[in-house]
N, C-alpha and C. Protein backbone atom coordinates (compact mmCIF):
# COMPACT_ATOMS: atom_id res chain seq x y z
N MET A 1 2.93 -2.29 18.88
CA MET A 1 2.11 -1.50 17.99
C MET A 1 1.35 -0.46 18.82
N ALA A 2 1.44 0.78 18.43
CA ALA A 2 0.79 1.86 19.16
C ALA A 2 -0.72 1.82 18.94
N LEU A 3 -1.43 2.22 19.96
CA LEU A 3 -2.88 2.24 19.93
C LEU A 3 -3.37 3.34 18.98
N THR A 4 -4.39 3.01 18.20
CA THR A 4 -5.00 3.96 17.28
C THR A 4 -6.34 4.41 17.87
N CYS A 5 -6.66 5.68 17.75
CA CYS A 5 -7.89 6.22 18.29
C CYS A 5 -9.10 5.69 17.55
N TRP A 6 -10.10 5.25 18.29
CA TRP A 6 -11.33 4.74 17.69
C TRP A 6 -12.14 5.86 17.03
N ASN A 7 -11.94 7.10 17.45
CA ASN A 7 -12.74 8.22 16.97
C ASN A 7 -12.15 8.86 15.70
N CYS A 8 -10.87 9.19 15.75
CA CYS A 8 -10.27 9.91 14.62
C CYS A 8 -9.32 9.05 13.79
N GLY A 9 -8.92 7.88 14.32
CA GLY A 9 -8.05 6.99 13.58
C GLY A 9 -6.57 7.33 13.62
N LYS A 10 -6.19 8.31 14.44
CA LYS A 10 -4.77 8.70 14.52
C LYS A 10 -4.05 7.89 15.59
N GLN A 11 -2.74 7.73 15.41
CA GLN A 11 -1.90 7.05 16.38
C GLN A 11 -1.86 7.86 17.68
N THR A 12 -1.93 7.17 18.83
CA THR A 12 -1.95 7.86 20.12
C THR A 12 -0.60 7.85 20.81
N GLY A 13 0.28 6.95 20.41
CA GLY A 13 1.58 6.82 21.07
C GLY A 13 1.52 5.93 22.30
N ILE A 14 0.37 5.37 22.61
CA ILE A 14 0.21 4.50 23.78
C ILE A 14 0.39 3.06 23.34
N GLU A 15 1.22 2.32 24.07
CA GLU A 15 1.44 0.91 23.80
C GLU A 15 0.60 0.09 24.78
N GLY A 16 -0.08 -0.94 24.30
CA GLY A 16 -0.87 -1.81 25.17
C GLY A 16 -2.21 -1.19 25.55
N LYS A 17 -2.74 -1.65 26.70
CA LYS A 17 -4.04 -1.17 27.16
C LYS A 17 -3.93 0.25 27.71
N PRO A 18 -4.85 1.10 27.33
CA PRO A 18 -4.84 2.46 27.90
C PRO A 18 -5.43 2.45 29.31
N PHE A 19 -5.02 3.41 30.13
CA PHE A 19 -5.60 3.59 31.45
C PHE A 19 -6.91 4.34 31.31
N ARG A 20 -7.69 4.34 32.37
CA ARG A 20 -9.01 4.97 32.34
C ARG A 20 -8.95 6.45 32.00
N ASN A 21 -7.88 7.13 32.38
CA ASN A 21 -7.80 8.57 32.13
C ASN A 21 -7.05 8.92 30.84
N ASP A 22 -6.66 7.93 30.04
CA ASP A 22 -5.97 8.20 28.77
C ASP A 22 -6.96 8.68 27.72
N HIS A 23 -6.52 9.65 26.95
CA HIS A 23 -7.36 10.17 25.86
C HIS A 23 -6.49 10.41 24.64
N CYS A 24 -7.13 10.56 23.50
CA CYS A 24 -6.44 10.78 22.24
C CYS A 24 -5.85 12.19 22.24
N PRO A 25 -4.57 12.35 21.93
CA PRO A 25 -3.99 13.68 21.89
C PRO A 25 -4.53 14.54 20.75
N ALA A 26 -5.09 13.92 19.72
CA ALA A 26 -5.60 14.69 18.58
C ALA A 26 -7.04 15.16 18.77
N CYS A 27 -7.93 14.26 19.24
CA CYS A 27 -9.36 14.63 19.32
C CYS A 27 -9.92 14.59 20.74
N GLN A 28 -9.11 14.21 21.70
CA GLN A 28 -9.49 14.16 23.11
C GLN A 28 -10.52 13.08 23.45
N ALA A 29 -10.76 12.11 22.58
CA ALA A 29 -11.70 11.03 22.87
C ALA A 29 -11.13 10.12 23.95
N ASP A 30 -12.00 9.62 24.84
CA ASP A 30 -11.57 8.66 25.86
C ASP A 30 -11.21 7.35 25.16
N LEU A 31 -10.02 6.83 25.47
CA LEU A 31 -9.55 5.63 24.78
C LEU A 31 -10.05 4.34 25.43
N ARG A 32 -10.23 4.36 26.76
CA ARG A 32 -10.73 3.15 27.44
C ARG A 32 -12.25 3.26 27.57
N SER A 33 -12.91 3.11 26.45
CA SER A 33 -14.37 3.19 26.40
C SER A 33 -14.89 2.04 25.55
N CYS A 34 -16.17 1.81 25.61
CA CYS A 34 -16.77 0.73 24.83
C CYS A 34 -16.46 0.89 23.34
N ARG A 35 -16.52 2.11 22.84
CA ARG A 35 -16.28 2.34 21.41
C ARG A 35 -14.86 1.96 21.00
N GLY A 36 -13.92 1.96 21.92
CA GLY A 36 -12.54 1.59 21.60
C GLY A 36 -12.22 0.15 21.93
N CYS A 37 -13.23 -0.62 22.33
CA CYS A 37 -13.02 -2.01 22.75
C CYS A 37 -13.27 -2.98 21.60
N ARG A 38 -12.50 -4.04 21.56
CA ARG A 38 -12.69 -5.03 20.49
C ARG A 38 -14.00 -5.79 20.62
N PHE A 39 -14.64 -5.76 21.79
CA PHE A 39 -15.90 -6.46 21.99
C PHE A 39 -17.12 -5.58 21.68
N TYR A 40 -16.90 -4.32 21.36
CA TYR A 40 -18.02 -3.42 21.04
C TYR A 40 -18.67 -3.86 19.73
N ASP A 41 -19.99 -4.04 19.78
CA ASP A 41 -20.74 -4.43 18.60
C ASP A 41 -22.14 -3.85 18.71
N PRO A 42 -22.48 -2.84 17.92
CA PRO A 42 -23.79 -2.20 18.01
C PRO A 42 -24.96 -3.16 17.77
N GLN A 43 -24.71 -4.29 17.13
CA GLN A 43 -25.78 -5.24 16.81
C GLN A 43 -26.07 -6.23 17.94
N SER A 44 -25.18 -6.34 18.92
CA SER A 44 -25.31 -7.32 19.99
C SER A 44 -26.09 -6.79 21.18
N ALA A 45 -26.48 -7.71 22.06
CA ALA A 45 -27.15 -7.32 23.30
C ALA A 45 -26.19 -6.46 24.12
N HIS A 46 -26.68 -5.39 24.66
CA HIS A 46 -25.88 -4.42 25.43
C HIS A 46 -24.75 -3.82 24.58
N GLN A 47 -24.79 -4.03 23.28
CA GLN A 47 -23.78 -3.58 22.33
C GLN A 47 -22.39 -4.13 22.68
N CYS A 48 -22.35 -5.36 23.19
CA CYS A 48 -21.10 -5.98 23.60
C CYS A 48 -21.14 -7.47 23.26
N LEU A 49 -20.03 -8.01 22.77
CA LEU A 49 -19.95 -9.42 22.45
C LEU A 49 -19.74 -10.28 23.69
N GLU A 50 -19.33 -9.68 24.80
CA GLU A 50 -19.18 -10.39 26.07
C GLU A 50 -20.50 -10.38 26.82
N ARG A 51 -20.66 -11.31 27.72
CA ARG A 51 -21.88 -11.36 28.55
C ARG A 51 -21.68 -10.46 29.76
N VAL A 52 -22.13 -9.25 29.64
CA VAL A 52 -21.96 -8.28 30.73
C VAL A 52 -23.22 -8.27 31.60
N ASN A 53 -23.01 -8.06 32.90
CA ASN A 53 -24.14 -8.02 33.83
C ASN A 53 -24.80 -6.65 33.83
N GLU A 54 -24.00 -5.62 33.71
CA GLU A 54 -24.53 -4.26 33.74
C GLU A 54 -24.22 -3.56 32.43
N THR A 55 -25.21 -2.91 31.87
CA THR A 55 -25.04 -2.18 30.62
C THR A 55 -24.32 -0.87 30.88
N VAL A 56 -23.32 -0.59 30.06
CA VAL A 56 -22.67 0.72 30.10
C VAL A 56 -23.49 1.61 29.20
N LYS A 57 -24.08 2.64 29.76
CA LYS A 57 -25.01 3.47 28.99
C LYS A 57 -24.31 4.42 28.02
N ILE A 58 -23.19 5.00 28.44
CA ILE A 58 -22.48 5.96 27.58
C ILE A 58 -21.26 5.25 27.00
N LYS A 59 -21.35 4.89 25.75
CA LYS A 59 -20.34 4.03 25.12
C LYS A 59 -19.05 4.74 24.73
N ASP A 60 -19.06 6.08 24.66
CA ASP A 60 -17.86 6.77 24.22
C ASP A 60 -17.09 7.44 25.37
N LYS A 61 -17.46 7.15 26.62
CA LYS A 61 -16.77 7.69 27.79
C LYS A 61 -16.07 6.56 28.54
N SER A 62 -15.01 6.91 29.28
CA SER A 62 -14.25 5.92 30.05
C SER A 62 -15.16 5.18 31.02
N ASN A 63 -14.83 3.89 31.24
CA ASN A 63 -15.59 3.08 32.19
C ASN A 63 -14.67 2.06 32.85
N PHE A 64 -15.22 1.26 33.74
CA PHE A 64 -14.44 0.30 34.51
C PHE A 64 -14.65 -1.14 34.06
N CYS A 65 -15.08 -1.37 32.85
CA CYS A 65 -15.37 -2.72 32.36
C CYS A 65 -14.12 -3.61 32.43
N ASP A 66 -14.29 -4.79 33.02
CA ASP A 66 -13.17 -5.73 33.14
C ASP A 66 -12.86 -6.45 31.83
N TYR A 67 -13.80 -6.45 30.90
CA TYR A 67 -13.60 -7.14 29.62
C TYR A 67 -12.84 -6.30 28.59
N PHE A 68 -12.56 -5.05 28.90
CA PHE A 68 -11.98 -4.14 27.90
C PHE A 68 -10.68 -4.68 27.31
N GLN A 69 -10.63 -4.69 25.99
CA GLN A 69 -9.42 -4.98 25.23
C GLN A 69 -9.40 -4.00 24.07
N PRO A 70 -8.28 -3.32 23.85
CA PRO A 70 -8.25 -2.33 22.77
C PRO A 70 -8.54 -2.95 21.41
N ARG A 71 -9.31 -2.23 20.64
CA ARG A 71 -9.64 -2.65 19.28
C ARG A 71 -8.50 -2.23 18.37
N MET A 72 -8.07 -3.12 17.51
CA MET A 72 -7.01 -2.80 16.57
C MET A 72 -7.62 -2.16 15.35
N ILE A 73 -7.45 -0.87 15.23
CA ILE A 73 -7.99 -0.11 14.11
C ILE A 73 -6.83 0.19 13.16
N GLY A 74 -7.07 0.10 11.90
CA GLY A 74 -6.05 0.45 10.93
C GLY A 74 -5.10 -0.68 10.61
N ALA A 75 -5.45 -1.89 11.04
CA ALA A 75 -4.62 -3.03 10.67
C ALA A 75 -4.67 -3.17 9.16
N LYS A 76 -3.60 -3.70 8.61
CA LYS A 76 -3.55 -3.84 7.15
C LYS A 76 -4.64 -4.79 6.68
N VAL A 77 -5.43 -4.32 5.75
CA VAL A 77 -6.51 -5.12 5.18
C VAL A 77 -6.19 -5.35 3.71
N GLN A 78 -6.36 -6.58 3.28
CA GLN A 78 -6.09 -6.90 1.88
C GLN A 78 -7.14 -6.24 1.01
N LYS A 79 -6.68 -5.49 0.01
CA LYS A 79 -7.61 -4.83 -0.90
C LYS A 79 -8.22 -5.86 -1.84
N ILE A 80 -9.50 -5.70 -2.10
CA ILE A 80 -10.21 -6.59 -3.01
C ILE A 80 -10.12 -6.00 -4.42
N LYS A 81 -9.69 -6.82 -5.34
CA LYS A 81 -9.60 -6.36 -6.72
C LYS A 81 -11.01 -6.30 -7.31
N THR A 82 -11.32 -5.18 -7.94
CA THR A 82 -12.69 -5.00 -8.40
C THR A 82 -12.86 -5.05 -9.91
N ASP A 83 -11.75 -5.13 -10.65
CA ASP A 83 -11.94 -5.16 -12.10
C ASP A 83 -12.45 -6.54 -12.52
N LYS A 84 -13.17 -6.57 -13.62
CA LYS A 84 -13.87 -7.77 -14.08
C LYS A 84 -12.93 -8.95 -14.33
N SER A 85 -11.80 -8.70 -14.95
CA SER A 85 -10.89 -9.81 -15.28
C SER A 85 -10.31 -10.44 -14.01
N SER A 86 -10.03 -9.64 -12.98
CA SER A 86 -9.50 -10.18 -11.72
C SER A 86 -10.55 -11.02 -11.01
N ARG A 87 -11.79 -10.57 -11.04
CA ARG A 87 -12.87 -11.34 -10.41
C ARG A 87 -13.09 -12.66 -11.13
N LYS A 88 -13.06 -12.62 -12.49
CA LYS A 88 -13.27 -13.84 -13.27
C LYS A 88 -12.14 -14.83 -13.01
N LYS A 89 -10.90 -14.34 -12.95
CA LYS A 89 -9.75 -15.21 -12.69
C LYS A 89 -9.87 -15.84 -11.30
N ALA A 90 -10.25 -15.05 -10.30
CA ALA A 90 -10.41 -15.60 -8.95
C ALA A 90 -11.49 -16.67 -8.91
N PHE A 91 -12.58 -16.45 -9.65
CA PHE A 91 -13.66 -17.44 -9.71
C PHE A 91 -13.16 -18.73 -10.39
N ASP A 92 -12.48 -18.57 -11.53
CA ASP A 92 -11.98 -19.73 -12.26
C ASP A 92 -10.95 -20.50 -11.44
N ASP A 93 -10.15 -19.80 -10.64
CA ASP A 93 -9.14 -20.46 -9.80
C ASP A 93 -9.78 -21.36 -8.75
N LEU A 94 -11.02 -21.10 -8.39
CA LEU A 94 -11.70 -21.94 -7.41
C LEU A 94 -11.89 -23.36 -7.91
N PHE A 95 -12.03 -23.49 -9.24
CA PHE A 95 -12.33 -24.79 -9.83
C PHE A 95 -11.14 -25.37 -10.57
N ASP A 96 -9.97 -24.78 -10.43
CA ASP A 96 -8.75 -25.31 -11.07
C ASP A 96 -8.36 -26.62 -10.37
N GLU A 97 -7.89 -27.57 -11.16
CA GLU A 97 -7.45 -28.84 -10.59
C GLU A 97 -5.98 -28.99 -10.70
């Protein structure tokens, strides 16, 4: 599966982990950055789910973090049905015997 850009959401044509100097051909965003990592979380300490010793200050630029793993953006997500009858049926199915 080709890597998707964290910034613009377009396919980059890169398979696997990007190198430090790889960037998105569409928007030129650095791909090996905190913002493109699966451990990036703005709500966590140091904005990372891993226990990092040093904070990376600029999250959208390339860095040397050993924990980097590409974030899978654009994976198929199941759509939630929003009409009333679908919600009622899903609720009733919870208690079906």
